[in-house]
Amino acid sequence: MRFLVVGAGAVGGFVTARLLAAGHAVTVLARGAHLYAMRTSGLRLQDAQQDLETNRPMKLDAILGAVVELGQRAEVVMPRIEALLACMRVMDTPAHRVALQAVQLSA
C-alpha cells in the first residue's frame, strides 16, 4: 500500500518511520527545517531505549524535566513524576551505561 504523510514533524516522522518499517511505500510532504534535515540526514526515529543502547544522552529534560518545571511553576505537586525523573537521571550516567554494556555483553 502507498501512503502520503503531510508534515514531517514529530508525529509525521513517527508515522512515516513505522509505515516504512512495515514495508509500505511512503511519500512525505515536508518543508523548511524538517525537509532540510531529512535531505541531509535521512529520517531517524529515536527513543530513550535506543539512546541507552547506543550510549547517547537521553533527552530527559525535554521529556520529563519540562513537565516537572511547569508543575513547579504552577505549584502543582507531582511526586511520582519527580521520582521518575530522578530514576531516569540515574540511568543517564556514564557509570550506568558501562554497567548496562557489561550486562549486555554477558547475555
PDB file of N, CA and C in Angstrom:
ATOM      1  N   MET A   1       0.834  -1.169   0.000  1.00  0.00           N
ATOM      2  CA  MET A   1       0.000   0.000   0.000  1.00  0.00           C
ATOM      3  C   MET A   1       0.887   1.242   0.000  1.00  0.00           C
ATOM      4  N   ARG A   2       0.441   2.308  -0.651  1.00  0.00           N
ATOM      5  CA  ARG A   2       1.199   3.552  -0.723  1.00  0.00           C
ATOM      6  C   ARG A   2       0.545   4.601   0.162  1.00  0.00           C
ATOM      7  N   PHE A   3       1.384   5.415   0.834  1.00  0.00           N
ATOM      8  CA  PHE A   3       0.902   6.454   1.744  1.00  0.00           C
ATOM      9  C   PHE A   3       1.559   7.780   1.436  1.00  0.00           C
ATOM     10  N   LEU A   4       0.808   8.858   1.695  1.00  0.00           N
ATOM     11  CA  LEU A   4       1.341  10.208   1.671  1.00  0.00           C
ATOM     12  C   LEU A   4       1.194  10.761   3.080  1.00  0.00           C
ATOM     13  N   VAL A   5       2.301  11.153   3.682  1.00  0.00           N
ATOM     14  CA  VAL A   5       2.276  11.761   5.018  1.00  0.00           C
ATOM     15  C   VAL A   5       2.526  13.249   4.831  1.00  0.00           C
ATOM     16  N   VAL A   6       1.566  14.057   5.264  1.00  0.00           N
ATOM     17  CA  VAL A   6       1.680  15.504   5.134  1.00  0.00           C
ATOM     18  C   VAL A   6       2.228  16.058   6.441  1.00  0.00           C
ATOM     19  N   GLY A   7       3.450  16.552   6.370  1.00  0.00           N
ATOM     20  CA  GLY A   7       4.109  17.079   7.563  1.00  0.00           C
ATOM     21  C   GLY A   7       5.093  16.069   8.120  1.00  0.00           C
ATOM     22  N   ALA A   8       6.302  16.537   8.378  1.00  0.00           N
ATOM     23  CA  ALA A   8       7.360  15.634   8.837  1.00  0.00           C
ATOM     24  C   ALA A   8       7.854  16.022  10.218  1.00  0.00           C
ATOM     25  N   GLY A   9       6.974  16.521  11.053  1.00  0.00           N
ATOM     26  CA  GLY A   9       7.352  16.834  12.429  1.00  0.00           C
ATOM     27  C   GLY A   9       7.424  15.571  13.262  1.00  0.00           C
ATOM     28  N   ALA A  10       7.211  15.710  14.537  1.00  0.00           N
ATOM     29  CA  ALA A  10       7.323  14.562  15.447  1.00  0.00           C
ATOM     30  C   ALA A  10       6.314  13.471  15.095  1.00  0.00           C
ATOM     31  N   VAL A  11       5.072  13.840  14.917  1.00  0.00           N
ATOM     32  CA  VAL A  11       4.036  12.836  14.629  1.00  0.00           C
ATOM     33  C   VAL A  11       4.193  12.289  13.215  1.00  0.00           C
ATOM     34  N   GLY A  12       4.348  13.179  12.230  1.00  0.00           N
ATOM     35  CA  GLY A  12       4.507  12.728  10.853  1.00  0.00           C
ATOM     36  C   GLY A  12       5.747  11.872  10.665  1.00  0.00           C
ATOM     37  N   GLY A  13       6.836  12.256  11.314  1.00  0.00           N
ATOM     38  CA  GLY A  13       8.061  11.463  11.228  1.00  0.00           C
ATOM     39  C   GLY A  13       7.894  10.090  11.851  1.00  0.00           C
ATOM     40  N   PHE A  14       7.197  10.036  12.994  1.00  0.00           N
ATOM     41  CA  PHE A  14       6.950   8.754  13.662  1.00  0.00           C
ATOM     42  C   PHE A  14       6.098   7.846  12.783  1.00  0.00           C
ATOM     43  N   VAL A  15       5.006   8.397  12.246  1.00  0.00           N
ATOM     44  CA  VAL A  15       4.115   7.609  11.384  1.00  0.00           C
ATOM     45  C   VAL A  15       4.885   7.121  10.155  1.00  0.00           C
ATOM     46  N   THR A  16       5.664   8.004   9.551  1.00  0.00           N
ATOM     47  CA  THR A  16       6.455   7.624   8.377  1.00  0.00           C
ATOM     48  C   THR A  16       7.413   6.483   8.696  1.00  0.00           C
ATOM     49  N   ALA A  17       8.139   6.602   9.805  1.00  0.00           N
ATOM     50  CA  ALA A  17       9.098   5.562  10.181  1.00  0.00           C
ATOM     51  C   ALA A  17       8.407   4.221  10.395  1.00  0.00           C
ATOM     52  N   ARG A  18       7.258   4.228  11.055  1.00  0.00           N
ATOM     53  CA  ARG A  18       6.539   2.970  11.299  1.00  0.00           C
ATOM     54  C   ARG A  18       5.992   2.366  10.005  1.00  0.00           C
ATOM     55  N   LEU A  19       5.482   3.209   9.119  1.00  0.00           N
ATOM     56  CA  LEU A  19       4.994   2.698   7.838  1.00  0.00           C
ATOM     57  C   LEU A  19       6.126   2.097   7.012  1.00  0.00           C
ATOM     58  N   LEU A  20       7.267   2.794   6.981  1.00  0.00           N
ATOM     59  CA  LEU A  20       8.422   2.263   6.251  1.00  0.00           C
ATOM     60  C   LEU A  20       8.889   0.940   6.850  1.00  0.00           C
ATOM     61  N   ALA A  21       8.921   0.857   8.180  1.00  0.00           N
ATOM     62  CA  ALA A  21       9.348  -0.381   8.850  1.00  0.00           C
ATOM     63  C   ALA A  21       8.411  -1.537   8.521  1.00  0.00           C
ATOM     64  N   ALA A  22       7.144  -1.211   8.256  1.00  0.00           N
ATOM     65  CA  ALA A  22       6.172  -2.252   7.909  1.00  0.00           C
ATOM     66  C   ALA A  22       6.214  -2.607   6.425  1.00  0.00           C
ATOM     67  N   GLY A  23       7.099  -1.941   5.667  1.00  0.00           N
ATOM     68  CA  GLY A  23       7.273  -2.291   4.263  1.00  0.00           C
ATOM     69  C   GLY A  23       6.411  -1.522   3.281  1.00  0.00           C
ATOM     70  N   HIS A  24       5.771  -0.456   3.716  1.00  0.00           N
ATOM     71  CA  HIS A  24       4.909   0.321   2.832  1.00  0.00           C
ATOM     72  C   HIS A  24       5.718   1.367   2.076  1.00  0.00           C
ATOM     73  N   ALA A  25       5.202   1.762   0.924  1.00  0.00           N
ATOM     74  CA  ALA A  25       5.781   2.867   0.165  1.00  0.00           C
ATOM     75  C   ALA A  25       5.231   4.166   0.744  1.00  0.00           C
ATOM     76  N   VAL A  26       6.125   5.094   1.110  1.00  0.00           N
ATOM     77  CA  VAL A  26       5.696   6.321   1.773  1.00  0.00           C
ATOM     78  C   VAL A  26       6.317   7.527   1.074  1.00  0.00           C
ATOM     79  N   THR A  27       5.490   8.522   0.803  1.00  0.00           N
ATOM     80  CA  THR A  27       5.947   9.820   0.330  1.00  0.00           C
ATOM     81  C   THR A  27       5.653  10.812   1.431  1.00  0.00           C
ATOM     82  N   VAL A  28       6.631  11.673   1.728  1.00  0.00           N
ATOM     83  CA  VAL A  28       6.467  12.659   2.799  1.00  0.00           C
ATOM     84  C   VAL A  28       6.460  14.048   2.183  1.00  0.00           C
ATOM     85  N   LEU A  29       5.468  14.833   2.557  1.00  0.00           N
ATOM     86  CA  LEU A  29       5.399  16.226   2.151  1.00  0.00           C
ATOM     87  C   LEU A  29       5.966  17.056   3.296  1.00  0.00           C
ATOM     88  N   ALA A  30       7.109  17.689   3.045  1.00  0.00           N
ATOM     89  CA  ALA A  30       7.798  18.435   4.108  1.00  0.00           C
ATOM     90  C   ALA A  30       8.326  19.742   3.539  1.00  0.00           C
ATOM     91  N   ARG A  31       8.631  20.668   4.446  1.00  0.00           N
ATOM     92  CA  ARG A  31       9.235  21.935   4.044  1.00  0.00           C
ATOM     93  C   ARG A  31      10.109  22.439   5.185  1.00  0.00           C
ATOM     94  N   GLY A  32      10.868  23.462   4.913  1.00  0.00           N
ATOM     95  CA  GLY A  32      11.658  24.118   5.951  1.00  0.00           C
ATOM     96  C   GLY A  32      12.713  23.227   6.571  1.00  0.00           C
ATOM     97  N   ALA A  33      12.857  23.384   7.889  1.00  0.00           N
ATOM     98  CA  ALA A  33      13.917  22.682   8.629  1.00  0.00           C
ATOM     99  C   ALA A  33      13.754  21.170   8.571  1.00  0.00           C
ATOM    100  N   HIS A  34      12.530  20.670   8.604  1.00  0.00           N
ATOM    101  CA  HIS A  34      12.329  19.218   8.554  1.00  0.00           C
ATOM    102  C   HIS A  34      12.742  18.655   7.196  1.00  0.00           C
ATOM    103  N   LEU A  35      12.421  19.364   6.134  1.00  0.00           N
ATOM    104  CA  LEU A  35      12.837  18.928   4.801  1.00  0.00           C
ATOM    105  C   LEU A  35      14.361  18.897   4.705  1.00  0.00           C
ATOM    106  N   TYR A  36      15.001  19.965   5.162  1.00  0.00           N
ATOM    107  CA  TYR A  36      16.463  20.028   5.132  1.00  0.00           C
ATOM    108  C   TYR A  36      17.082  18.886   5.942  1.00  0.00           C
ATOM    109  N   ALA A  37      16.547  18.635   7.133  1.00  0.00           N
ATOM    110  CA  ALA A  37      17.084  17.570   7.983  1.00  0.00           C
ATOM    111  C   ALA A  37      16.950  16.200   7.328  1.00  0.00           C
ATOM    112  N   MET A  38      15.802  15.944   6.704  1.00  0.00           N
ATOM    113  CA  MET A  38      15.620  14.638   6.057  1.00  0.00           C
ATOM    114  C   MET A  38      16.502  14.499   4.828  1.00  0.00           C
ATOM    115  N   ARG A  39      16.699  15.583   4.102  1.00  0.00           N
ATOM    116  CA  ARG A  39      17.565  15.507   2.918  1.00  0.00           C
ATOM    117  C   ARG A  39      19.027  15.285   3.305  1.00  0.00           C
ATOM    118  N   THR A  40      19.452  15.894   4.399  1.00  0.00           N
ATOM    119  CA  THR A  40      20.861  15.780   4.781  1.00  0.00           C
ATOM    120  C   THR A  40      21.148  14.572   5.661  1.00  0.00           C
ATOM    121  N   SER A  41      20.211  14.178   6.517  1.00  0.00           N
ATOM    122  CA  SER A  41      20.480  13.100   7.479  1.00  0.00           C
ATOM    123  C   SER A  41      19.536  11.915   7.366  1.00  0.00           C
ATOM    124  N   GLY A  42      18.524  12.021   6.546  1.00  0.00           N
ATOM    125  CA  GLY A  42      17.529  10.961   6.466  1.00  0.00           C
ATOM    126  C   GLY A  42      16.551  11.071   7.620  1.00  0.00           C
ATOM    127  N   LEU A  43      15.658  10.121   7.711  1.00  0.00           N
ATOM    128  CA  LEU A  43      14.657  10.090   8.779  1.00  0.00           C
ATOM    129  C   LEU A  43      15.131   9.118   9.848  1.00  0.00           C
ATOM    130  N   ARG A  44      15.251   9.614  11.072  1.00  0.00           N
ATOM    131  CA  ARG A  44      15.694   8.763  12.179  1.00  0.00           C
ATOM    132  C   ARG A  44      14.666   8.839  13.290  1.00  0.00           C
ATOM    133  N   LEU A  45      14.267   7.698  13.787  1.00  0.00           N
ATOM    134  CA  LEU A  45      13.345   7.613  14.909  1.00  0.00           C
ATOM    135  C   LEU A  45      14.157   7.203  16.126  1.00  0.00           C
ATOM    136  N   GLN A  46      14.166   8.057  17.150  1.00  0.00           N
ATOM    137  CA  GLN A  46      14.944   7.773  18.351  1.00  0.00           C
ATOM    138  C   GLN A  46      14.032   7.708  19.562  1.00  0.00           C
ATOM    139  N   ASP A  47      14.375   6.844  20.494  1.00  0.00           N
ATOM    140  CA  ASP A  47      13.655   6.801  21.768  1.00  0.00           C
ATOM    141  C   ASP A  47      14.675   6.597  22.889  1.00  0.00           C
ATOM    142  N   ALA A  48      14.207   6.670  24.108  1.00  0.00           N
ATOM    143  CA  ALA A  48      15.109   6.593  25.256  1.00  0.00           C
ATOM    144  C   ALA A  48      15.858   5.263  25.308  1.00  0.00           C
ATOM    145  N   GLN A  49      15.209   4.174  24.940  1.00  0.00           N
ATOM    146  CA  GLN A  49      15.874   2.868  24.957  1.00  0.00           C
ATOM    147  C   GLN A  49      17.022   2.851  23.953  1.00  0.00           C
ATOM    148  N   GLN A  50      16.797   3.405  22.762  1.00  0.00           N
ATOM    149  CA  GLN A  50      17.867   3.472  21.772  1.00  0.00           C
ATOM    150  C   GLN A  50      19.001   4.358  22.266  1.00  0.00           C
ATOM    151  N   ASP A  51      18.655   5.441  22.954  1.00  0.00           N
ATOM    152  CA  ASP A  51      19.691   6.312  23.495  1.00  0.00           C
ATOM    153  C   ASP A  51      20.573   5.538  24.475  1.00  0.00           C
ATOM    154  N   LEU A  52      19.958   4.731  25.332  1.00  0.00           N
ATOM    155  CA  LEU A  52      20.732   3.930  26.276  1.00  0.00           C
ATOM    156  C   LEU A  52      21.611   2.918  25.545  1.00  0.00           C
ATOM    157  N   GLU A  53      21.025   2.231  24.566  1.00  0.00           N
ATOM    158  CA  GLU A  53      21.746   1.172  23.866  1.00  0.00           C
ATOM    159  C   GLU A  53      22.890   1.698  23.009  1.00  0.00           C
ATOM    160  N   THR A  54      22.764   2.919  22.519  1.00  0.00           N
ATOM    161  CA  THR A  54      23.802   3.476  21.648  1.00  0.00           C
ATOM    162  C   THR A  54      24.683   4.488  22.368  1.00  0.00           C
ATOM    163  N   ASN A  55      24.527   4.558  23.687  1.00  0.00           N
ATOM    164  CA  ASN A  55      25.366   5.404  24.533  1.00  0.00           C
ATOM    165  C   ASN A  55      25.219   6.902  24.217  1.00  0.00           C
ATOM    166  N   ARG A  56      24.009   7.304  23.817  1.00  0.00           N
ATOM    167  CA  ARG A  56      23.717   8.727  23.621  1.00  0.00           C
ATOM    168  C   ARG A  56      22.985   9.237  24.853  1.00  0.00           C
ATOM    169  N   PRO A  57      23.168  10.496  25.220  1.00  0.00           N
ATOM    170  CA  PRO A  57      22.422  11.032  26.361  1.00  0.00           C
ATOM    171  C   PRO A  57      20.921  11.051  26.068  1.00  0.00           C
ATOM    172  N   MET A  58      20.143  10.672  27.047  1.00  0.00           N
ATOM    173  CA  MET A  58      18.693  10.708  26.887  1.00  0.00           C
ATOM    174  C   MET A  58      18.202  12.152  26.965  1.00  0.00           C
ATOM    175  N   LYS A  59      17.073  12.405  26.380  1.00  0.00           N
ATOM    176  CA  LYS A  59      16.509  13.754  26.355  1.00  0.00           C
ATOM    177  C   LYS A  59      15.530  13.944  27.508  1.00  0.00           C
ATOM    178  N   LEU A  60      16.028  13.700  28.718  1.00  0.00           N
ATOM    179  CA  LEU A  60      15.162  13.709  29.893  1.00  0.00           C
ATOM    180  C   LEU A  60      14.537  15.062  30.175  1.00  0.00           C
ATOM    181  N   ASP A  61      15.314  16.117  30.049  1.00  0.00           N
ATOM    182  CA  ASP A  61      14.777  17.429  30.374  1.00  0.00           C
ATOM    183  C   ASP A  61      13.709  17.856  29.381  1.00  0.00           C
ATOM    184  N   ALA A  62      13.860  17.454  28.137  1.00  0.00           N
ATOM    185  CA  ALA A  62      12.842  17.791  27.148  1.00  0.00           C
ATOM    186  C   ALA A  62      11.565  16.983  27.372  1.00  0.00           C
ATOM    187  N   ILE A  63      11.697  15.788  27.916  1.00  0.00           N
ATOM    188  CA  ILE A  63      10.530  14.917  28.084  1.00  0.00           C
ATOM    189  C   ILE A  63       9.897  15.112  29.457  1.00  0.00           C
ATOM    190  N   LEU A  64      10.622  14.769  30.502  1.00  0.00           N
ATOM    191  CA  LEU A  64      10.061  14.841  31.860  1.00  0.00           C
ATOM    192  C   LEU A  64      10.415  16.126  32.590  1.00  0.00           C
ATOM    193  N   GLY A  65      11.604  16.640  32.336  1.00  0.00           N
ATOM    194  CA  GLY A  65      12.035  17.846  33.037  1.00  0.00           C
ATOM    195  C   GLY A  65      11.122  19.024  32.778  1.00  0.00           C
ATOM    196  N   ALA A  66      10.644  19.148  31.541  1.00  0.00           N
ATOM    197  CA  ALA A  66       9.731  20.248  31.206  1.00  0.00           C
ATOM    198  C   ALA A  66       8.417  20.112  31.956  1.00  0.00           C
ATOM    199  N   VAL A  67       7.934  18.893  32.114  1.00  0.00           N
ATOM    200  CA  VAL A  67       6.688  18.659  32.844  1.00  0.00           C
ATOM    201  C   VAL A  67       6.853  19.038  34.312  1.00  0.00           C
ATOM    202  N   VAL A  68       7.959  18.614  34.902  1.00  0.00           N
ATOM    203  CA  VAL A  68       8.228  18.939  36.312  1.00  0.00           C
ATOM    204  C   VAL A  68       8.351  20.450  36.492  1.00  0.00           C
ATOM    205  N   GLU A  69       9.058  21.095  35.587  1.00  0.00           N
ATOM    206  CA  GLU A  69       9.239  22.550  35.685  1.00  0.00           C
ATOM    207  C   GLU A  69       7.904  23.284  35.587  1.00  0.00           C
ATOM    208  N   LEU A  70       7.050  22.876  34.661  1.00  0.00           N
ATOM    209  CA  LEU A  70       5.733  23.502  34.546  1.00  0.00           C
ATOM    210  C   LEU A  70       4.900  23.288  35.807  1.00  0.00           C
ATOM    211  N   GLY A  71       4.979  22.088  36.365  1.00  0.00           N
ATOM    212  CA  GLY A  71       4.259  21.801  37.602  1.00  0.00           C
ATOM    213  C   GLY A  71       4.742  22.661  38.753  1.00  0.00           C
ATOM    214  N   GLN A  72       6.044  22.835  38.842  1.00  0.00           N
ATOM    215  CA  GLN A  72       6.599  23.665  39.919  1.00  0.00           C
ATOM    216  C   GLN A  72       6.171  25.123  39.766  1.00  0.00           C
ATOM    217  N   ARG A  73       6.159  25.612  38.534  1.00  0.00           N
ATOM    218  CA  ARG A  73       5.707  26.994  38.301  1.00  0.00           C
ATOM    219  C   ARG A  73       4.249  27.185  38.712  1.00  0.00           C
ATOM    220  N   ALA A  74       3.431  26.179  38.463  1.00  0.00           N
ATOM    221  CA  ALA A  74       2.004  26.258  38.797  1.00  0.00           C
ATOM    222  C   ALA A  74       1.721  25.794  40.218  1.00  0.00           C
ATOM    223  N   GLU A  75       2.793  25.458  40.955  1.00  0.00           N
ATOM    224  CA  GLU A  75       2.685  24.980  42.330  1.00  0.00           C
ATOM    225  C   GLU A  75       1.838  23.710  42.438  1.00  0.00           C
ATOM    226  N   VAL A  76       2.042  22.832  41.461  1.00  0.00           N
ATOM    227  CA  VAL A  76       1.381  21.528  41.448  1.00  0.00           C
ATOM    228  C   VAL A  76       2.390  20.492  41.924  1.00  0.00           C
ATOM    229  N   VAL A  77       2.028  19.730  42.923  1.00  0.00           N
ATOM    230  CA  VAL A  77       2.916  18.702  43.469  1.00  0.00           C
ATOM    231  C   VAL A  77       2.774  17.440  42.620  1.00  0.00           C
ATOM    232  N   MET A  78       3.911  16.931  42.123  1.00  0.00           N
ATOM    233  CA  MET A  78       3.917  15.735  41.274  1.00  0.00           C
ATOM    234  C   MET A  78       5.000  14.773  41.750  1.00  0.00           C
ATOM    235  N   PRO A  79       4.834  14.169  42.925  1.00  0.00           N
ATOM    236  CA  PRO A  79       5.911  13.331  43.459  1.00  0.00           C
ATOM    237  C   PRO A  79       6.258  12.140  42.573  1.00  0.00           C
ATOM    238  N   ARG A  80       5.295  11.564  41.914  1.00  0.00           N
ATOM    239  CA  ARG A  80       5.594  10.385  41.085  1.00  0.00           C
ATOM    240  C   ARG A  80       6.410  10.769  39.848  1.00  0.00           C
ATOM    241  N   ILE A  81       6.042  11.868  39.214  1.00  0.00           N
ATOM    242  CA  ILE A  81       6.788  12.324  38.040  1.00  0.00           C
ATOM    243  C   ILE A  81       8.199  12.747  38.440  1.00  0.00           C
ATOM    244  N   GLU A  82       8.316  13.452  39.564  1.00  0.00           N
ATOM    245  CA  GLU A  82       9.638  13.881  40.037  1.00  0.00           C
ATOM    246  C   GLU A  82      10.504  12.671  40.380  1.00  0.00           C
ATOM    247  N   ALA A  83       9.912  11.636  40.985  1.00  0.00           N
ATOM    248  CA  ALA A  83      10.660  10.415  41.308  1.00  0.00           C
ATOM    249  C   ALA A  83      11.090   9.695  40.031  1.00  0.00           C
ATOM    250  N   LEU A  84      10.201   9.642  39.045  1.00  0.00           N
ATOM    251  CA  LEU A  84      10.536   9.010  37.770  1.00  0.00           C
ATOM    252  C   LEU A  84      11.696   9.744  37.101  1.00  0.00           C
ATOM    253  N   LEU A  85      11.650  11.082  37.107  1.00  0.00           N
ATOM    254  CA  LEU A  85      12.739  11.864  36.528  1.00  0.00           C
ATOM    255  C   LEU A  85      14.059  11.576  37.257  1.00  0.00           C
ATOM    256  N   ALA A  86      14.019  11.499  38.573  1.00  0.00           N
ATOM    257  CA  ALA A  86      15.233  11.212  39.347  1.00  0.00           C
ATOM    258  C   ALA A  86      15.795   9.833  38.984  1.00  0.00           C
ATOM    259  N   CYS A  87      14.919   8.844  38.861  1.00  0.00           N
ATOM    260  CA  CYS A  87      15.370   7.485  38.497  1.00  0.00           C
ATOM    261  C   CYS A  87      15.959   7.459  37.088  1.00  0.00           C
ATOM    262  N   MET A  88      15.314   8.161  36.163  1.00  0.00           N
ATOM    263  CA  MET A  88      15.813   8.190  34.792  1.00  0.00           C
ATOM    264  C   MET A  88      17.161   8.902  34.714  1.00  0.00           C
ATOM    265  N   ARG A  89      17.351   9.931  35.536  1.00  0.00           N
ATOM    266  CA  ARG A  89      18.640  10.633  35.533  1.00  0.00           C
ATOM    267  C   ARG A  89      19.766   9.720  36.026  1.00  0.00           C
ATOM    268  N   VAL A  90      19.453   8.832  36.972  1.00  0.00           N
ATOM    269  CA  VAL A  90      20.454   7.868  37.434  1.00  0.00           C
ATOM    270  C   VAL A  90      20.855   6.956  36.278  1.00  0.00           C
ATOM    271  N   MET A  91      19.876   6.557  35.456  1.00  0.00           N
ATOM    272  CA  MET A  91      20.159   5.691  34.314  1.00  0.00           C
ATOM    273  C   MET A  91      20.974   6.411  33.242  1.00  0.00           C
ATOM    274  N   ASP A  92      20.972   7.729  33.269  1.00  0.00           N
ATOM    275  CA  ASP A  92      21.634   8.502  32.229  1.00  0.00           C
ATOM    276  C   ASP A  92      23.043   8.919  32.633  1.00  0.00           C
ATOM    277  N   THR A  93      23.683   8.151  33.512  1.00  0.00           N
ATOM    278  CA  THR A  93      25.039   8.458  33.954  1.00  0.00           C
ATOM    279  C   THR A  93      26.038   7.544  33.237  1.00  0.00           C
ATOM    280  N   PRO A  94      27.265   7.989  33.076  1.00  0.00           N
ATOM    281  CA  PRO A  94      28.273   7.137  32.430  1.00  0.00           C
ATOM    282  C   PRO A  94      28.470   5.803  33.154  1.00  0.00           C
ATOM    283  N   ALA A  95      28.421   5.809  34.483  1.00  0.00           N
ATOM    284  CA  ALA A  95      28.617   4.560  35.232  1.00  0.00           C
ATOM    285  C   ALA A  95      27.513   3.556  34.910  1.00  0.00           C
ATOM    286  N   HIS A  96      26.297   4.032  34.808  1.00  0.00           N
ATOM    287  CA  HIS A  96      25.195   3.124  34.490  1.00  0.00           C
ATOM    288  C   HIS A  96      25.337   2.582  33.072  1.00  0.00           C
ATOM    289  N   ARG A  97      25.798   3.405  32.160  1.00  0.00           N
ATOM    290  CA  ARG A  97      25.971   2.950  30.780  1.00  0.00           C
ATOM    291  C   ARG A  97      27.028   1.846  30.687  1.00  0.00           C
ATOM    292  N   VAL A  98      28.108   1.991  31.441  1.00  0.00           N
ATOM    293  CA  VAL A  98      29.153   0.958  31.463  1.00  0.00           C
ATOM    294  C   VAL A  98      28.577  -0.339  32.028  1.00  0.00           C
ATOM    295  N   ALA A  99      27.813  -0.233  33.111  1.00  0.00           N
ATOM    296  CA  ALA A  99      27.199  -1.421  33.712  1.00  0.00           C
ATOM    297  C   ALA A  99      26.218  -2.073  32.743  1.00  0.00           C
ATOM    298  N   LEU A 100      25.433  -1.268  32.039  1.00  0.00           N
ATOM    299  CA  LEU A 100      24.468  -1.795  31.072  1.00  0.00           C
ATOM    300  C   LEU A 100      25.182  -2.529  29.952  1.00  0.00           C
ATOM    301  N   GLN A 101      26.271  -1.979  29.449  1.00  0.00           N
ATOM    302  CA  GLN A 101      27.023  -2.633  28.390  1.00  0.00           C
ATOM    303  C   GLN A 101      27.613  -3.950  28.884  1.00  0.00           C
ATOM    304  N   ALA A 102      28.085  -4.008  30.112  1.00  0.00           N
ATOM    305  CA  ALA A 102      28.647  -5.234  30.666  1.00  0.00           C
ATOM    306  C   ALA A 102      27.575  -6.327  30.750  1.00  0.00           C
ATOM    307  N   VAL A 103      26.394  -5.946  31.168  1.00  0.00           N
ATOM    308  CA  VAL A 103      25.295  -6.919  31.268  1.00  0.00           C
ATOM    309  C   VAL A 103      24.921  -7.415  29.876  1.00  0.00           C
ATOM    310  N   GLN A 104      24.870  -6.534  28.901  1.00  0.00           N
ATOM    311  CA  GLN A 104      24.512  -6.934  27.542  1.00  0.00           C
ATOM    312  C   GLN A 104      25.565  -7.861  26.937  1.00  0.00           C
ATOM    313  N   LEU A 105      26.835  -7.612  27.237  1.00  0.00           N
ATOM    314  CA  LEU A 105      27.895  -8.458  26.711  1.00  0.00           C
ATOM    315  C   LEU A 105      27.873  -9.852  27.313  1.00  0.00           C
ATOM    316  N   SER A 106      27.462  -9.948  28.581  1.00  0.00           N
ATOM    317  CA  SER A 106      27.467 -11.262  29.231  1.00  0.00           C
ATOM    318  C   SER A 106      26.221 -12.081  28.899  1.00  0.00           C
ATOM    319  N   ALA A 107      25.234 -11.482  28.292  1.00  0.00           N
ATOM    320  CA  ALA A 107      23.994 -12.203  27.968  1.00  0.00           C
ATOM    321  C   ALA A 107      24.159 -13.042  26.717  1.00  0.00           C
TER     322      ALA A 107
END
